[in-house]
Amino acid sequence: MLTIGIDSGNLNTKAVALRNGEVVGRVKSATGFDAQQTAVAALEMLLRETGLRRDNVDAIAATGVGRQLADCATVRINEVGSAARGAHLVCPALRIVIDMGAEGCRAVKMDDAGRPQKYEVNDRCASGAGTFVESMARTLQIKTEEMGAYSLRHSKDVPMNAQCVVFAESEVISLIHRRETVEDIAHGIHAGIASRVAALMRRLGVTAGIGFIGGPANNAGLGQCLEDVLKQRVAVPDFPEYISALGAAAFAADQLETEQKE
């Protein structure tokens, strides 16, 4: 059985091909103004890079904010369901998954089978999401992918109180004028995000078995701050930005298996 999952996000569109439970390909491209066109382009890129044929694909599932616009999909699943399904597939021991994207962050609590039980969302001012980190990196005049490394080299705690991107930029500039180091400011930024994520987690009820997915999960400094504030290990799977696309592909396979049994 061959299924494809497409995660149409605000910033990037990811596509994953799943054959009999094994990932056989993954691609990522920037989401353009036309989410439908971007989804088709990601699908074609995946087929081209894997050598797969469209007529051999049994089902295509779309998730993410642009899922309703992905006309190439045969089935759709919301972001909560795809995050939970993908996280459970790569790590069945997880009971809560933190799914952080460009514009928002959600925490999903799952049962032993990986089914979502409840979730909490923060999508205000991008204060708990990747766009916030990107904006702060520009203010610090470093690359976004360097933020984690700088944060891990911090020497003291520098509180960051602003949640709105505009006010946070002003706060960072003030800290620079106070001659605080880039390392300490970067850590303060990540610690502030971690505190806001922890607030979501507390509303769900923090348990053991926490995972972190989405593009920002590649940021080791942010992951460390999450562990510090939650006081336990936070697992980051390989290729965390593709987990929701993987979950969509797995969901499509689940549906096909159910239909075949009926």
Protein backbone atom coordinates (compact mmCIF):
# COMPACT_ATOMS: atom_id res chain seq x y z
CA MET A 1 0.00 0.00 0.00
CA LEU A 2 1.35 3.41 -1.01
CA THR A 3 -0.04 6.61 0.49
CA ILE A 4 1.14 10.22 0.50
CA GLY A 5 0.62 12.86 3.18
CA ILE A 6 0.80 16.58 2.39
CA ASP A 7 1.12 19.10 5.22
CA SER A 8 0.15 22.52 3.85
CA GLY A 9 1.59 24.96 6.37
CA ASN A 10 1.76 28.74 6.55
CA LEU A 11 5.45 28.84 5.66
CA ASN A 12 6.32 25.44 4.15
CA THR A 13 4.51 22.55 2.52
CA LYS A 14 5.81 19.08 3.32
CA ALA A 15 5.03 15.80 1.56
CA VAL A 16 5.82 12.26 2.72
CA ALA A 17 5.38 8.96 0.86
CA LEU A 18 4.57 5.93 3.00
CA ARG A 19 4.71 2.39 1.65
CA ASN A 20 3.50 -0.37 3.97
CA GLY A 21 4.43 1.66 7.05
CA GLU A 22 7.88 2.69 5.80
CA VAL A 23 8.83 6.20 4.67
CA VAL A 24 10.13 6.04 1.10
CA GLY A 25 10.44 9.77 0.44
CA ARG A 26 10.00 13.25 1.86
CA VAL A 27 10.21 16.74 0.36
CA LYS A 28 9.66 20.32 1.51
CA SER A 29 8.98 23.52 -0.41
CA ALA A 30 8.00 27.06 0.49
CA THR A 31 4.25 27.65 0.57
CA GLY A 32 3.40 30.25 -2.05
CA PHE A 33 0.39 32.55 -2.37
CA ASP A 34 -1.57 29.69 -3.94
CA ALA A 35 -1.69 26.82 -1.41
CA GLN A 36 -3.39 24.55 -3.92
CA GLN A 37 -0.66 25.07 -6.49
CA THR A 38 2.03 24.58 -3.85
CA ALA A 39 0.49 21.28 -2.74
CA VAL A 40 0.48 20.01 -6.32
CA ALA A 41 4.08 21.16 -6.80
CA ALA A 42 5.16 19.35 -3.60
CA LEU A 43 3.39 16.19 -4.75
CA GLU A 44 5.05 16.32 -8.17
CA MET A 45 8.45 16.96 -6.55
CA LEU A 46 7.98 13.95 -4.26
CA LEU A 47 7.01 11.68 -7.17
CA ARG A 48 9.93 12.93 -9.22
CA GLU A 49 12.54 12.49 -6.48
CA THR A 50 11.31 9.02 -5.44
CA GLY A 51 10.59 7.70 -8.93
CA LEU A 52 7.04 6.82 -7.86
CA ARG A 53 4.12 6.98 -10.28
CA ARG A 54 0.94 8.89 -9.48
CA ASP A 55 -1.25 6.02 -10.67
CA ASN A 56 0.42 3.68 -8.16
CA VAL A 57 -0.54 5.92 -5.20
CA ASP A 58 -3.50 4.45 -3.34
CA ALA A 59 -4.49 7.63 -1.47
CA ILE A 60 -3.32 11.19 -0.79
CA ALA A 61 -4.17 12.87 2.52
CA ALA A 62 -3.86 16.60 3.20
CA THR A 63 -3.44 18.32 6.55
CA GLY A 64 -2.40 21.77 7.75
CA VAL A 65 -4.01 25.18 7.34
CA GLY A 66 -4.25 24.79 3.55
CA ARG A 67 -5.66 21.26 3.52
CA GLN A 68 -9.03 22.30 2.12
CA LEU A 69 -7.31 23.91 -0.86
CA ALA A 70 -5.25 20.82 -1.74
CA ASP A 71 -7.42 19.49 -4.58
CA CYS A 72 -4.98 16.66 -5.23
CA ALA A 73 -5.94 15.07 -1.89
CA THR A 74 -8.44 12.23 -1.65
CA VAL A 75 -8.85 12.59 2.11
CA ARG A 76 -8.26 15.34 4.68
CA ILE A 77 -7.32 15.30 8.35
CA ASN A 78 -7.00 18.22 10.77
CA GLU A 79 -3.69 19.29 12.29
CA VAL A 80 -4.46 17.77 15.69
CA GLY A 81 -5.16 14.33 14.24
CA SER A 82 -2.16 14.28 11.89
CA ALA A 83 0.25 15.44 14.61
CA ALA A 84 -0.97 12.75 17.01
CA ARG A 85 -0.95 9.99 14.37
CA GLY A 86 2.52 10.85 13.14
CA ALA A 87 3.99 11.22 16.62
CA HIS A 88 2.55 7.89 17.72
CA LEU A 89 3.92 6.19 14.62
CA VAL A 90 7.52 7.28 15.26
CA CYS A 91 7.34 7.00 19.06
CA PRO A 92 4.43 5.00 20.52
CA ALA A 93 5.45 5.93 24.08
CA LEU A 94 4.51 9.59 23.61
CA ARG A 95 1.43 10.84 25.45
CA ILE A 96 1.68 14.57 24.69
CA VAL A 97 3.03 16.12 21.51
CA ILE A 98 4.00 19.78 21.15
CA ASP A 99 3.40 20.76 17.53
CA MET A 100 4.98 24.12 16.69
CA GLY A 101 4.78 25.74 13.27
CA ALA A 102 5.42 29.13 11.75
CA GLU A 103 2.34 30.89 13.10
CA GLY A 104 1.02 28.82 15.98
CA CYS A 105 1.64 26.12 18.53
CA ARG A 106 -0.57 23.37 19.88
CA ALA A 107 -0.19 20.68 22.51
CA VAL A 108 -2.09 17.45 21.95
CA LYS A 109 -2.74 14.80 24.60
CA MET A 110 -3.08 11.24 23.28
CA ASP A 111 -4.21 7.88 24.60
CA ASP A 112 -2.16 4.67 24.41
CA ALA A 113 -3.23 4.12 20.80
CA GLY A 114 -2.19 7.62 19.72
CA ARG A 115 -5.74 8.95 19.46
CA PRO A 116 -6.13 12.66 20.41
CA GLN A 117 -7.97 13.13 23.71
CA LYS A 118 -7.78 16.90 24.04
CA TYR A 119 -5.62 19.77 22.91
CA GLU A 120 -4.74 23.39 23.58
CA VAL A 121 -3.71 26.00 21.02
CA ASN A 122 -1.72 29.24 21.15
CA ASP A 123 -1.89 31.28 17.94
CA ARG A 124 -1.72 34.83 19.26
CA CYS A 125 1.01 37.14 17.92
CA ALA A 126 3.06 34.08 16.89
CA SER A 127 4.56 34.31 20.37
CA GLY A 128 4.91 30.57 20.72
CA ALA A 129 5.90 29.78 17.14
CA GLY A 130 8.64 29.75 14.54
CA THR A 131 7.89 33.18 13.11
CA PHE A 132 8.62 34.71 16.51
CA VAL A 133 12.09 33.09 16.56
CA GLU A 134 12.77 34.28 13.00
CA SER A 135 11.86 37.86 13.88
CA MET A 136 14.07 37.82 16.96
CA ALA A 137 16.97 36.37 14.95
CA ARG A 138 16.70 39.24 12.46
CA THR A 139 16.75 41.73 15.32
CA LEU A 140 19.87 40.05 16.72
CA GLN A 141 21.37 40.04 13.18
CA ILE A 142 22.03 36.30 13.18
CA LYS A 143 20.58 33.44 11.15
CA THR A 144 17.46 31.71 12.44
CA GLU A 145 19.26 28.36 12.43
CA GLU A 146 21.97 29.84 14.66
CA MET A 147 19.57 30.81 17.46
CA GLY A 148 19.70 27.42 19.17
CA ALA A 149 23.50 27.28 19.30
CA TYR A 150 23.72 30.82 20.69
CA SER A 151 21.11 30.02 23.33
CA LEU A 152 22.96 26.93 24.51
CA ARG A 153 26.04 29.08 25.20
CA HIS A 154 24.23 31.50 27.53
CA SER A 155 25.81 32.43 30.84
CA LYS A 156 22.86 33.97 32.68
CA ASP A 157 19.08 34.30 32.53
CA VAL A 158 17.74 37.40 30.80
CA PRO A 159 13.94 37.59 31.19
CA MET A 160 11.93 38.39 28.06
CA ASN A 161 8.44 39.59 28.98
CA ALA A 162 6.94 40.75 25.65
CA GLN A 163 4.77 38.28 23.73
CA CYS A 164 3.86 40.45 20.75
CA VAL A 165 6.53 40.34 18.01
CA VAL A 166 6.65 44.15 17.69
CA PHE A 167 7.08 44.73 21.43
CA ALA A 168 9.56 41.84 21.68
CA GLU A 169 11.74 43.40 18.98
CA SER A 170 11.83 46.63 20.99
CA GLU A 171 12.70 44.68 24.13
CA VAL A 172 15.56 42.89 22.34
CA ILE A 173 16.93 46.22 21.08
CA SER A 174 16.83 47.56 24.64
CA LEU A 175 18.74 44.51 25.87
CA ILE A 176 21.36 45.02 23.15
CA HIS A 177 21.79 48.63 24.27
CA ARG A 178 22.29 47.34 27.82
CA ARG A 179 25.15 45.26 26.38
CA GLU A 180 23.55 41.92 27.14
CA THR A 181 25.17 39.20 25.03
CA VAL A 182 23.51 37.64 21.99
CA GLU A 183 23.78 34.28 23.76
CA ASP A 184 21.89 35.46 26.85
CA ILE A 185 19.23 37.27 24.81
CA ALA A 186 18.69 34.22 22.58
CA HIS A 187 18.24 32.07 25.68
CA GLY A 188 15.77 34.58 27.12
CA ILE A 189 13.75 34.45 23.90
CA HIS A 190 13.60 30.65 23.96
CA ALA A 191 12.83 30.55 27.67
CA GLY A 192 9.89 32.91 27.13
CA ILE A 193 8.49 30.69 24.37
CA ALA A 194 8.99 27.60 26.55
CA SER A 195 7.05 29.23 29.39
CA ARG A 196 4.11 29.93 27.10
CA VAL A 197 4.17 26.37 25.78
CA ALA A 198 4.30 25.06 29.35
CA ALA A 199 1.10 26.99 30.07
CA LEU A 200 -0.62 25.00 27.30
CA MET A 201 0.76 21.79 28.74
CA ARG A 202 -0.48 22.54 32.23
CA ARG A 203 -4.02 22.99 30.92
CA LEU A 204 -3.78 19.50 29.45
CA GLY A 205 -2.09 17.99 32.49
CA VAL A 206 1.63 17.35 32.14
CA THR A 207 2.56 13.68 32.01
CA ALA A 208 5.63 11.68 31.04
CA GLY A 209 6.17 10.96 27.37
CA ILE A 210 6.43 14.42 25.77
CA GLY A 211 7.42 14.91 22.15
CA PHE A 212 8.26 18.05 20.17
CA ILE A 213 7.54 18.26 16.41
CA GLY A 214 7.40 20.89 13.68
CA GLY A 215 10.20 22.95 12.15
CA PRO A 216 11.15 24.77 15.40
CA ALA A 217 11.83 21.36 17.00
CA ASN A 218 15.15 21.42 15.10
CA ASN A 219 16.19 24.27 17.42
CA ALA A 220 18.21 22.57 20.17
CA GLY A 221 18.18 25.69 22.35
CA LEU A 222 14.39 25.80 22.34
CA GLY A 223 14.22 22.09 23.08
CA GLN A 224 16.53 22.53 26.06
CA CYS A 225 14.41 25.39 27.42
CA LEU A 226 11.30 23.21 27.14
CA GLU A 227 13.03 20.49 29.14
CA ASP A 228 14.15 23.03 31.75
CA VAL A 229 10.67 24.48 32.29
CA LEU A 230 8.84 21.13 32.13
CA LYS A 231 11.55 19.44 34.24
CA GLN A 232 11.61 16.31 32.13
CA ARG A 233 12.95 14.98 28.84
CA VAL A 234 11.29 16.19 25.65
CA ALA A 235 11.80 13.79 22.75
CA VAL A 236 12.50 15.20 19.28
CA PRO A 237 12.08 12.64 16.49
CA ASP A 238 14.18 12.62 13.34
CA PHE A 239 12.87 15.03 10.70
CA PRO A 240 10.38 16.65 13.13
CA GLU A 241 9.00 19.04 10.49
CA TYR A 242 7.63 16.07 8.50
CA ILE A 243 5.75 14.33 11.32
CA SER A 244 2.33 15.80 10.50
CA ALA A 245 2.71 14.92 6.81
CA LEU A 246 3.69 11.41 7.93
CA GLY A 247 0.63 11.29 10.16
CA ALA A 248 -1.58 12.28 7.23
CA ALA A 249 -0.11 9.50 5.08
CA ALA A 250 -0.63 6.99 7.90
CA PHE A 251 -4.21 8.19 8.37
CA ALA A 252 -4.90 7.58 4.68
CA ALA A 253 -3.47 4.06 5.01
CA ASP A 254 -5.64 3.44 8.09
CA GLN A 255 -8.75 4.42 6.15
CA LEU A 256 -7.89 2.15 3.25
CA GLU A 257 -7.28 -0.80 5.56
CA THR A 258 -10.64 -0.20 7.26
CA GLU A 259 -12.42 -0.05 3.89
CA GLN A 260 -10.76 -3.28 2.75
CA LYS A 261 -11.94 -5.09 5.87
CA GLU A 262 -15.57 -4.03 5.42
